Amino acid sequence: MVDASKLHPATTVTNIKSCIPIVLDYEGSQYNNWATLFKFHCRANLVIDHILPPASSTVPPPATAAEKLATKAPWERLDDIVRQWIYGMISNDLLNTIIHQEDTTAEAWNRLVHLFQDNKSARVLALDAKFTNTKLVDFSNVKAYCTRLKVLADNLTNVGHKVSDERLVLRLLRGLSDEYKTFRTTVQHRTPLPSFDVFR
C-alpha cells in the first residue's frame, strides 16, 4: 500500500479543468487570468519551478550518478504532469501551435508567454475595435449587451489597456438603440455619471 503522506500533491490532481475553469484559446483574451490561476495552482501543488525555474539554485547538485538518477526520474514525471495540465487547458488550435514532443514544461510555458505577450498591441487593437463597435441592437436584451461590454473591458484590462468606469458607461450609452434616446439624454447630463454597476 502506498503511503499517502509520501505522494507529491501534483500526482493527486485528477481533473485540472475543475481547478482552473478557463480554457485558453487562440484569441488569448483570458490569457492573464488563465496564467494567474495556473501559477496559483502550481504553487499550491509545489511545482511552480517547472514553469518558472529559479534563476539559481541553492541546493548542491547530487554527488553520485545514482543520486542524479534518483532525482531525475521524479522531476521528469512531475514535469510531464504539469505539461499535461498546460496542454489540457488550451484549445486544440493553440495546442497544435505550441506542442513539441521534446519540450520541457518551462519551454511549453514560455511558448505561450511569447505568443501572447509579443502580440499584445495587436490584441489591444482587436479588442478595442470590438469594444467600440458593440451596440445593443446586436443582442437579445440589455443584460446581454451590458455583460458583453464588461467582458470586453475586462479583456482589455488583462492586456494592459485599462478601461475606466466612466469610459465603460459612455460606451454603454453610445451603443443604446433609438428607443433609449430620452433615457440616454437624461443620464448624459448627470454629474457625475453613475457608475457602470448602478447604470446597468
Protein backbone atom coordinates (compact mmCIF):
# COMPACT_ATOMS: atom_id res chain seq x y z
CA MET A 1 0.00 0.00 0.00
CA VAL A 2 1.29 3.48 -0.94
CA ASP A 3 1.88 5.87 1.94
CA ALA A 4 -0.33 8.90 1.12
CA SER A 5 1.99 11.19 3.08
CA LYS A 6 4.77 10.46 0.54
CA LEU A 7 2.68 11.29 -2.53
CA HIS A 8 3.55 14.54 -4.25
CA PRO A 9 0.43 16.79 -4.32
CA ALA A 10 0.66 17.24 -8.11
CA THR A 11 0.23 13.49 -8.64
CA THR A 12 -3.17 13.56 -6.91
CA VAL A 13 -4.76 16.08 -9.32
CA THR A 14 -7.20 14.06 -11.43
CA ASN A 15 -9.09 16.82 -13.25
CA ILE A 16 -7.20 20.04 -13.99
CA LYS A 17 -10.33 21.64 -15.51
CA SER A 18 -12.07 21.51 -12.15
CA CYS A 19 -9.18 23.52 -10.66
CA ILE A 20 -8.82 26.10 -13.46
CA PRO A 21 -12.19 26.99 -15.04
CA ILE A 22 -10.71 28.75 -18.11
CA VAL A 23 -9.62 27.10 -21.36
CA LEU A 24 -7.14 29.38 -23.11
CA ASP A 25 -7.92 29.93 -26.78
CA TYR A 26 -6.04 31.44 -29.69
CA GLU A 27 -7.64 34.85 -29.19
CA GLY A 28 -5.96 34.96 -25.79
CA SER A 29 -8.39 37.44 -24.26
CA GLN A 30 -8.29 35.47 -20.99
CA TYR A 31 -4.53 34.90 -21.00
CA ASN A 32 -3.72 36.95 -17.89
CA ASN A 33 -6.50 35.34 -15.86
CA TRP A 34 -5.57 31.88 -17.14
CA ALA A 35 -1.86 32.36 -16.40
CA THR A 36 -2.57 33.76 -12.92
CA LEU A 37 -4.81 30.82 -12.00
CA PHE A 38 -2.32 28.35 -13.46
CA LYS A 39 0.53 29.82 -11.38
CA PHE A 40 -1.63 29.70 -8.23
CA HIS A 41 -2.39 26.05 -8.94
CA CYS A 42 1.29 25.22 -9.50
CA ARG A 43 2.34 26.96 -6.27
CA ALA A 44 -0.36 25.14 -4.32
CA ASN A 45 0.87 21.80 -5.72
CA LEU A 46 4.58 22.56 -5.23
CA VAL A 47 5.51 22.55 -8.95
CA ILE A 48 5.92 26.26 -9.70
CA ASP A 49 9.62 25.64 -10.51
CA HIS A 50 8.52 23.64 -13.53
CA ILE A 51 7.04 26.69 -15.25
CA LEU A 52 9.17 29.38 -13.60
CA PRO A 53 12.57 27.84 -12.87
CA PRO A 54 14.55 29.70 -10.20
CA ALA A 55 17.40 31.84 -11.51
CA SER A 56 19.85 29.97 -9.33
CA SER A 57 19.59 27.00 -7.04
CA THR A 58 21.00 26.94 -3.54
CA VAL A 59 20.71 23.14 -3.43
CA PRO A 60 24.05 21.48 -4.21
CA PRO A 61 23.98 19.04 -7.15
CA PRO A 62 23.79 15.33 -6.32
CA ALA A 63 27.22 13.85 -5.72
CA THR A 64 26.82 10.49 -7.44
CA ALA A 65 25.30 9.12 -10.65
CA ALA A 66 22.83 7.11 -8.57
CA GLU A 67 21.69 10.26 -6.74
CA LYS A 68 21.32 12.08 -10.05
CA LEU A 69 19.18 9.27 -11.43
CA ALA A 70 17.07 9.15 -8.27
CA THR A 71 16.43 12.91 -8.56
CA LYS A 72 15.90 12.97 -12.32
CA ALA A 73 13.07 10.41 -12.59
CA PRO A 74 10.64 12.11 -10.14
CA TRP A 75 11.44 15.53 -11.63
CA GLU A 76 10.70 14.32 -15.17
CA ARG A 77 7.45 12.73 -14.03
CA LEU A 78 6.29 15.94 -12.39
CA ASP A 79 7.39 17.94 -15.43
CA ASP A 80 5.26 15.71 -17.67
CA ILE A 81 2.30 16.10 -15.32
CA VAL A 82 2.49 19.91 -15.38
CA ARG A 83 2.97 19.92 -19.15
CA GLN A 84 -0.17 17.76 -19.45
CA TRP A 85 -2.00 20.39 -17.37
CA ILE A 86 -0.94 23.09 -19.82
CA TYR A 87 -1.92 21.04 -22.87
CA GLY A 88 -5.23 20.11 -21.24
CA MET A 89 -6.15 23.73 -20.54
CA ILE A 90 -5.72 25.20 -24.03
CA SER A 91 -7.79 24.97 -27.22
CA ASN A 92 -6.90 22.45 -29.94
CA ASP A 93 -5.70 25.21 -32.30
CA LEU A 94 -3.40 26.56 -29.63
CA LEU A 95 -2.20 23.07 -28.72
CA ASN A 96 -1.28 22.38 -32.34
CA THR A 97 0.69 25.63 -32.41
CA ILE A 98 2.82 25.10 -29.31
CA ILE A 99 3.16 21.34 -28.81
CA HIS A 100 6.66 19.85 -29.17
CA GLN A 101 7.36 16.31 -28.08
CA GLU A 102 10.74 17.07 -26.53
CA ASP A 103 9.74 20.27 -24.73
CA THR A 104 10.11 20.71 -21.01
CA THR A 105 7.22 22.32 -19.20
CA ALA A 106 9.15 25.59 -18.93
CA GLU A 107 9.63 25.62 -22.71
CA ALA A 108 5.92 25.00 -23.33
CA TRP A 109 5.03 27.73 -20.83
CA ASN A 110 7.44 30.17 -22.48
CA ARG A 111 5.95 29.45 -25.92
CA LEU A 112 2.59 30.64 -24.57
CA VAL A 113 4.15 33.67 -22.89
CA HIS A 114 5.85 34.73 -26.13
CA LEU A 115 2.76 34.04 -28.21
CA PHE A 116 0.54 36.28 -26.10
CA GLN A 117 2.94 38.87 -24.69
CA ASP A 118 4.63 39.59 -28.03
CA ASN A 119 1.25 40.17 -29.72
CA LYS A 120 -0.15 42.43 -27.02
CA SER A 121 -0.54 45.53 -29.24
CA ALA A 122 -2.40 43.60 -31.92
CA ARG A 123 -4.73 42.11 -29.32
CA VAL A 124 -5.39 45.53 -27.77
CA LEU A 125 -6.34 46.90 -31.20
CA ALA A 126 -8.68 43.97 -31.94
CA LEU A 127 -10.36 44.10 -28.53
CA ASP A 128 -10.68 47.90 -28.61
CA ALA A 129 -12.38 47.69 -32.03
CA LYS A 130 -14.87 45.17 -30.66
CA PHE A 131 -15.47 47.30 -27.57
CA THR A 132 -16.02 50.46 -29.63
CA ASN A 133 -18.40 48.79 -32.07
CA THR A 134 -20.56 46.85 -29.60
CA LYS A 135 -24.19 48.00 -29.77
CA LEU A 136 -27.44 46.95 -28.11
CA VAL A 137 -29.08 46.08 -31.47
CA ASP A 138 -26.73 43.08 -31.75
CA PHE A 139 -28.05 41.49 -28.54
CA SER A 140 -31.32 39.92 -27.44
CA ASN A 141 -31.60 42.12 -24.34
CA VAL A 142 -29.89 44.86 -22.31
CA LYS A 143 -28.43 42.38 -19.83
CA ALA A 144 -26.53 40.51 -22.57
CA TYR A 145 -25.32 43.83 -24.02
CA CYS A 146 -24.01 45.05 -20.66
CA THR A 147 -22.35 41.71 -19.96
CA ARG A 148 -20.55 41.76 -23.31
CA LEU A 149 -19.25 45.29 -22.72
CA LYS A 150 -17.98 44.32 -19.26
CA VAL A 151 -16.22 41.20 -20.62
CA LEU A 152 -14.52 43.23 -23.37
CA ALA A 153 -13.46 45.89 -20.84
CA ASP A 154 -12.01 43.19 -18.56
CA ASN A 155 -10.19 41.62 -21.52
CA LEU A 156 -8.65 44.98 -22.41
CA THR A 157 -7.52 45.38 -18.80
CA ASN A 158 -5.99 41.89 -18.98
CA VAL A 159 -3.75 43.02 -21.84
CA GLY A 160 -2.65 46.18 -20.04
CA HIS A 161 -5.20 48.62 -21.53
CA LYS A 162 -7.41 49.52 -18.57
CA VAL A 163 -10.92 50.77 -19.35
CA SER A 164 -12.13 53.34 -16.83
CA ASP A 165 -15.61 53.04 -15.36
CA GLU A 166 -16.54 56.36 -17.00
CA ARG A 167 -15.47 55.12 -20.45
CA LEU A 168 -17.45 51.93 -19.90
CA VAL A 169 -20.59 53.94 -19.02
CA LEU A 170 -20.13 56.25 -22.04
CA ARG A 171 -19.67 53.28 -24.37
CA LEU A 172 -22.82 51.71 -22.93
CA LEU A 173 -24.76 54.94 -23.55
CA ARG A 174 -23.49 55.35 -27.12
CA GLY A 175 -24.46 51.82 -28.02
CA LEU A 176 -28.08 52.12 -26.89
CA SER A 177 -30.75 51.97 -29.58
CA ASP A 178 -33.05 54.88 -30.51
CA GLU A 179 -35.79 53.70 -28.18
CA TYR A 180 -33.50 54.71 -25.29
CA LYS A 181 -32.84 58.23 -26.67
CA THR A 182 -34.67 60.07 -23.87
CA PHE A 183 -33.08 57.92 -21.22
CA ARG A 184 -29.61 58.40 -22.75
CA THR A 185 -30.03 62.20 -22.87
CA THR A 186 -31.14 62.29 -19.23
CA VAL A 187 -28.23 60.21 -17.99
CA GLN A 188 -25.61 62.07 -20.07
CA HIS A 189 -26.40 65.30 -18.22
CA ARG A 190 -25.94 63.83 -14.77
CA THR A 191 -22.82 64.97 -12.92
CA PRO A 192 -21.10 62.81 -12.04
CA LEU A 193 -22.19 59.95 -14.27
CA PRO A 194 -23.48 56.91 -12.39
CA SER A 195 -21.09 54.00 -12.09
CA PHE A 196 -21.38 51.16 -14.58
CA ASP A 197 -22.88 48.86 -11.94
CA VAL A 198 -25.51 51.45 -10.96
CA PHE A 199 -26.22 52.38 -14.57
CA ARG A 200 -26.75 48.83 -15.77
